[in-house]
Structures are given as structure tokens and as C-alpha cells.
Protein backbone atom coordinates (compact mmCIF):
# COMPACT_ATOMS: atom_id res chain seq x y z
CA MET A 1 36.11 179.14 -24.45
CA ILE A 2 37.73 175.82 -24.23
CA ARG A 3 41.06 177.30 -24.30
CA TRP A 4 40.07 179.57 -21.12
CA LEU A 5 38.79 176.29 -19.26
CA ARG A 6 41.99 174.83 -19.99
CA ILE A 7 44.08 177.95 -18.83
CA LEU A 8 41.87 178.21 -15.90
CA PHE A 9 42.31 174.36 -15.23
CA LEU A 10 46.14 174.50 -15.36
CA VAL A 11 46.32 177.54 -13.14
CA VAL A 12 44.00 175.80 -10.59
CA LEU A 13 46.51 172.73 -10.74
CA ALA A 14 49.32 174.62 -10.11
CA VAL A 15 48.05 176.54 -6.92
CA VAL A 16 47.03 172.84 -5.90
CA LEU A 17 50.45 171.46 -6.61
CA LEU A 18 52.27 174.70 -4.80
CA THR A 19 50.00 174.67 -1.69
CA VAL A 20 51.10 170.69 -1.38
CA ALA A 21 54.60 171.51 -1.65
CA LEU A 22 54.63 174.22 0.64
CA ALA A 23 52.69 171.97 3.20
CA HIS A 24 55.13 169.11 2.93
CA ARG A 25 58.32 170.90 3.19
CA ASP A 26 60.05 168.52 5.87
CA PRO A 27 62.70 166.17 4.97
CA VAL A 28 62.15 162.91 4.92
CA THR A 29 64.73 159.85 4.63
CA VAL A 30 64.30 157.74 1.65
CA ARG A 31 66.07 154.40 1.70
CA LEU A 32 66.88 152.13 -1.25
CA MET A 33 65.95 149.12 1.03
CA PRO A 34 64.52 148.72 4.45
CA ASP A 35 67.01 148.19 6.99
CA ASN A 36 65.35 144.73 8.14
CA LEU A 37 64.85 143.46 4.53
CA ALA A 38 68.55 144.43 3.96
CA THR A 39 70.21 142.59 6.83
CA PHE A 40 67.95 139.56 5.88
CA VAL A 41 69.50 139.72 2.48
CA GLY A 42 73.05 140.45 3.38
CA THR A 43 73.53 143.49 1.59
CA GLY A 44 74.70 146.72 2.04
CA TRP A 45 71.77 148.61 0.56
CA SER A 46 70.55 150.11 3.96
CA ALA A 47 73.46 152.84 3.68
CA TRP A 48 72.00 154.13 0.46
CA SER A 49 69.48 156.69 1.71
CA MET A 50 69.05 160.42 1.03
CA GLN A 51 67.26 163.32 2.63
CA LEU A 52 64.40 164.79 0.32
CA PRO A 53 61.79 166.79 1.15
CA LEU A 54 58.24 165.09 1.56
CA TYR A 55 56.71 166.96 -1.91
CA ALA A 56 59.70 165.61 -3.70
CA VAL A 57 58.71 162.17 -2.88
CA ILE A 58 55.14 162.75 -3.86
CA PHE A 59 55.90 164.09 -7.15
CA GLY A 60 58.32 161.76 -7.96
CA GLY A 61 56.30 158.99 -6.94
CA ILE A 62 53.32 160.44 -9.34
CA VAL A 63 55.97 160.76 -12.14
CA ALA A 64 57.14 157.45 -11.63
CA GLY A 65 53.62 155.93 -12.03
CA LEU A 66 52.68 157.69 -15.09
CA LEU A 67 55.86 156.85 -16.63
CA ILE A 68 55.18 153.08 -15.82
CA GLY A 69 51.74 153.51 -17.08
CA PHE A 70 52.63 154.97 -20.35
CA PHE A 71 55.21 152.31 -21.10
CA TRP A 72 52.64 149.52 -20.09
CA GLU A 73 50.16 151.05 -22.65
CA TRP A 74 52.73 151.40 -25.18
CA MET A 75 53.86 147.78 -24.85
CA ARG A 76 50.21 146.70 -24.90
CA GLU A 77 49.65 148.38 -28.01
CA HIS A 78 52.31 147.07 -30.09
CA LYS A 79 50.12 144.44 -31.62
CA HIS A 80 47.81 147.08 -32.86
CA ARG A 81 50.90 149.23 -34.33
CA ALA A 82 52.41 146.47 -36.16
CA GLU A 83 49.06 145.33 -37.44
CA VAL A 84 48.50 149.21 -38.98
CA ARG A 85 52.05 148.93 -40.20
CA ARG A 86 51.53 145.73 -42.16
CA LYS A 87 48.25 147.28 -43.59
CA SER A 88 49.93 150.16 -44.57
CA GLN A 89 52.43 148.44 -46.29
CA GLU A 90 49.68 146.16 -48.04
CA VAL A 91 47.77 149.38 -49.17
CA LYS A 92 51.34 150.75 -50.61
CA THR A 93 51.59 147.80 -52.49
CA LEU A 94 48.21 147.61 -54.21
CA GLN A 95 48.34 151.38 -54.72
CA ARG A 96 51.87 150.65 -57.03
CA GLU A 97 50.01 147.87 -58.56
CA VAL A 98 46.84 149.72 -59.25
CA SER A 99 48.81 152.71 -60.78
CA THR A 100 50.75 150.16 -63.04
CA LEU A 101 47.77 148.45 -64.06
CA ARG A 102 46.18 152.05 -64.88
CA SER A 103 49.30 153.07 -66.76
CA LYS A 104 49.04 150.01 -69.12
CA VAL A 105 45.61 150.21 -69.67
CA GLU A 106 46.08 154.13 -70.80
CA THR A 107 48.93 153.05 -72.98
CA GLY A 108 47.01 150.27 -74.50
CA THR A 109 49.55 147.48 -73.44
CA ALA A 110 47.14 146.00 -70.92
CA VAL A 111 47.26 142.19 -70.76
CA VAL A 112 43.90 140.77 -70.37
CA ALA A 113 43.65 138.10 -67.81
CA PRO A 114 42.88 134.66 -68.76
CA LYS A 115 39.37 133.43 -68.01
CA ASN A 116 38.45 131.05 -65.81
CA ASP A 117 38.34 127.16 -66.77
CA VAL A 118 34.51 126.72 -65.56
CA LEU A 119 33.27 129.53 -66.90
CA THR A 120 34.85 128.68 -70.63
CA ALA A 121 33.41 125.22 -70.14
CA LEU A 122 30.13 126.72 -69.41
CA SER A 123 29.98 129.39 -72.12
CA LYS A 124 31.18 126.69 -75.10
CA SER A 125 28.44 124.25 -73.81
CA ALA A 126 25.75 127.01 -74.25
């Protein structure tokens, strides 16, 4: 059922995008920098312009926004990924230590940890 809903959604989305593209086929001029700003700054960037269909500009803006958003989230979540990496390394270290201790116990070569000095003193006085 969900698979059919996904297919239906994609078909409707494709029809909407195709309709937008067909309705906005007229070419527009896209400039790297507006003419007034280019003369104020004193650069020749106002000559950098292209003719594109309006739907390409619209879809390009959507794609650029998505890419910027994905990059922003990736950078924002860096601290979480670093914490997960640190925790997984700690888990691996502890698993190695546990397996080493288990093998020592199984072979009978386990070393008994020294007792706590306070508990030893208390047990001697009792």
C-alpha cells in the first residue's frame, strides 16, 4: 500500500514539475552581478550573463537550496558524529578488555585485583 502511495506521489510530482517547466519556457538573462553593483565595485562581472529558460533557474535554485541545507545540517551534526565515533572506540576497547579477562578466567590465569585498603582495614578490625 505504501509503495503505491509513493509511486502515486512521484507521478503527481513529475506532472507538477513538467507543468511548471512548460509554463516557464521563456528565456531570462541571469547575471553574476547586477549592472549597478558591478559599476560601483568596479569589476567587469556585469558582462558575465547567460540566457536560460526560467524553469532551469527555478529548479536550479531549488537544487542549490537543498544542497546548502544538506551541507549545513552535515556541519551542524559534526559534534554528534564525533561523539558516536568516540563512544564506539570506547566500546571496542572495553569489549577487547572483557574478552581478555574472560579468556584469563577460562584458562585459570586470572589475576585477582588488589583489595581496597579501607575495606581491608575494616575487615581486620571486625
